[in-house]
Amino acid sequence: MGEATVAVSDATFDAEVRQSDIPVVVDFWAEWCGPCRQIGPALEELAAEYAGKVKIVKVNVDENPESPAALGVRGIPALFMFKDGAVVSNKVGAAPKAALANWIRSAI
C-alpha cells in the first residue's frame, strides 16, 4: 500500500466509501493477482494527482470478502467508482495509467 491510496476493510467500507464527500475509486485486489500489482503504481500516482478531488482506496478481497461479494465482484482487479454513496461506473481488468485517468475523469 502506498501513501496516496487508502486501505479499506469491510468494517470501514461504508465510512470511507459510501459516506465520502468526494468521488471514490475502489480497487478490489489481492496479493497473488499479477494484474492487480501491475496497476498498483498507476493508482498510487493517480491518487496523488487527484488528491482532494477523488479518493482512491484498495480493498484486499482475501481479507475482506463481504464488500466485493455485496457488489458482485467476480474477477480482479475490479475498479468501482462511487459518487454520493452509489456506484456510477466500474471496470474489470488491468489498464494503462492513461486509460485509468480517462475513466476517472469521465466519471467525475
Protein backbone atom coordinates (compact mmCIF):
# COMPACT_ATOMS: atom_id res chain seq x y z
CA MET A 1 0.00 0.00 0.00
CA GLY A 2 1.39 3.36 -0.93
CA GLU A 3 0.93 6.70 0.73
CA ALA A 4 -1.68 8.12 -1.62
CA THR A 5 -4.18 5.26 -1.63
CA VAL A 6 -6.12 4.23 1.46
CA ALA A 7 -6.55 0.64 2.66
CA VAL A 8 -10.22 -0.04 3.39
CA SER A 9 -11.73 -3.07 5.13
CA ASP A 10 -15.26 -4.43 5.25
CA ALA A 11 -15.61 -2.65 8.60
CA THR A 12 -14.58 0.77 7.26
CA PHE A 13 -16.11 0.48 3.75
CA ASP A 14 -19.27 2.49 4.40
CA ALA A 15 -17.48 5.28 6.24
CA GLU A 16 -14.61 5.59 3.74
CA VAL A 17 -16.55 4.96 0.52
CA ARG A 18 -20.31 5.40 0.77
CA GLN A 19 -20.13 8.40 3.12
CA SER A 20 -17.28 10.20 1.34
CA ASP A 21 -17.76 13.85 0.36
CA ILE A 22 -15.77 13.29 -2.85
CA PRO A 23 -15.93 10.55 -5.51
CA VAL A 24 -14.15 7.33 -4.52
CA VAL A 25 -12.43 4.75 -6.73
CA VAL A 26 -12.40 1.34 -5.05
CA ASP A 27 -9.74 -1.11 -6.24
CA PHE A 28 -10.62 -4.69 -5.30
CA TRP A 29 -7.31 -6.59 -5.41
CA ALA A 30 -5.24 -9.42 -3.91
CA GLU A 31 -1.53 -10.02 -3.27
CA TRP A 32 -1.42 -13.01 -5.65
CA CYS A 33 -3.05 -11.12 -8.55
CA GLY A 34 -0.46 -10.09 -11.16
CA PRO A 35 -2.67 -7.56 -12.99
CA CYS A 36 -3.59 -6.03 -9.61
CA ARG A 37 0.08 -5.45 -8.83
CA GLN A 38 0.56 -4.12 -12.37
CA ILE A 39 -1.96 -1.26 -11.94
CA GLY A 40 -0.97 -0.51 -8.32
CA PRO A 41 1.72 2.09 -9.14
CA ALA A 42 -0.59 3.88 -11.62
CA LEU A 43 -3.32 4.07 -9.00
CA GLU A 44 -0.83 5.49 -6.48
CA GLU A 45 0.18 8.22 -8.96
CA LEU A 46 -3.45 8.99 -9.82
CA ALA A 47 -4.38 9.15 -6.12
CA ALA A 48 -1.67 11.79 -5.63
CA GLU A 49 -2.67 13.69 -8.79
CA TYR A 50 -6.37 13.75 -7.87
CA ALA A 51 -5.85 14.36 -4.13
CA GLY A 52 -8.79 16.37 -2.78
CA LYS A 53 -10.91 15.63 -5.89
CA VAL A 54 -11.05 11.82 -5.88
CA LYS A 55 -10.13 9.32 -3.19
CA ILE A 56 -8.62 6.01 -4.32
CA VAL A 57 -8.97 3.13 -1.88
CA LYS A 58 -7.86 -0.50 -2.02
CA VAL A 59 -9.79 -3.47 -0.65
CA ASN A 60 -7.90 -6.77 -0.30
CA VAL A 61 -10.53 -9.36 -1.33
CA ASP A 62 -8.82 -12.18 0.59
CA GLU A 63 -9.00 -10.27 3.88
CA ASN A 64 -12.35 -8.54 3.23
CA PRO A 65 -14.80 -10.82 1.38
CA GLU A 66 -18.04 -9.00 2.27
CA SER A 67 -17.62 -5.77 0.28
CA PRO A 68 -16.70 -7.44 -3.04
CA ALA A 69 -19.46 -10.03 -2.57
CA ALA A 70 -22.04 -7.30 -1.97
CA LEU A 71 -21.02 -5.66 -5.27
CA GLY A 72 -20.93 -8.92 -7.23
CA VAL A 73 -17.18 -8.83 -7.88
CA ARG A 74 -16.22 -11.98 -9.81
CA GLY A 75 -12.77 -11.07 -11.17
CA ILE A 76 -9.97 -8.81 -10.03
CA PRO A 77 -8.69 -6.23 -10.38
CA ALA A 78 -12.17 -4.72 -10.23
CA LEU A 79 -12.48 -0.95 -10.03
CA PHE A 80 -15.67 0.75 -8.88
CA MET A 81 -16.38 4.50 -8.94
CA PHE A 82 -18.66 5.69 -6.15
CA LYS A 83 -20.26 9.13 -6.19
CA ASP A 84 -22.66 10.25 -3.46
CA GLY A 85 -22.60 6.75 -1.98
CA ALA A 86 -23.62 4.90 -5.16
CA VAL A 87 -21.73 3.07 -7.91
CA VAL A 88 -21.63 5.23 -11.05
CA SER A 89 -19.12 3.22 -13.08
CA ASN A 90 -16.98 0.10 -12.89
CA LYS A 91 -14.34 -1.75 -14.87
CA VAL A 92 -12.64 -5.10 -14.56
CA GLY A 93 -9.06 -5.90 -15.51
CA ALA A 94 -5.79 -4.03 -15.74
CA ALA A 95 -5.44 -0.92 -17.88
CA PRO A 96 -2.64 1.57 -18.57
CA LYS A 97 -2.45 4.68 -16.41
CA ALA A 98 -3.77 6.91 -19.23
CA ALA A 99 -6.86 4.73 -19.64
CA LEU A 100 -7.45 4.72 -15.87
CA ALA A 101 -7.09 8.51 -15.78
CA ASN A 102 -9.59 8.90 -18.62
CA TRP A 103 -12.05 6.60 -16.85
CA ILE A 104 -11.74 8.57 -13.60
CA ARG A 105 -12.14 11.92 -15.42
CA SER A 106 -15.22 10.70 -17.28
CA ALA A 107 -16.86 9.60 -14.04
CA ILE A 108 -16.19 12.77 -12.04
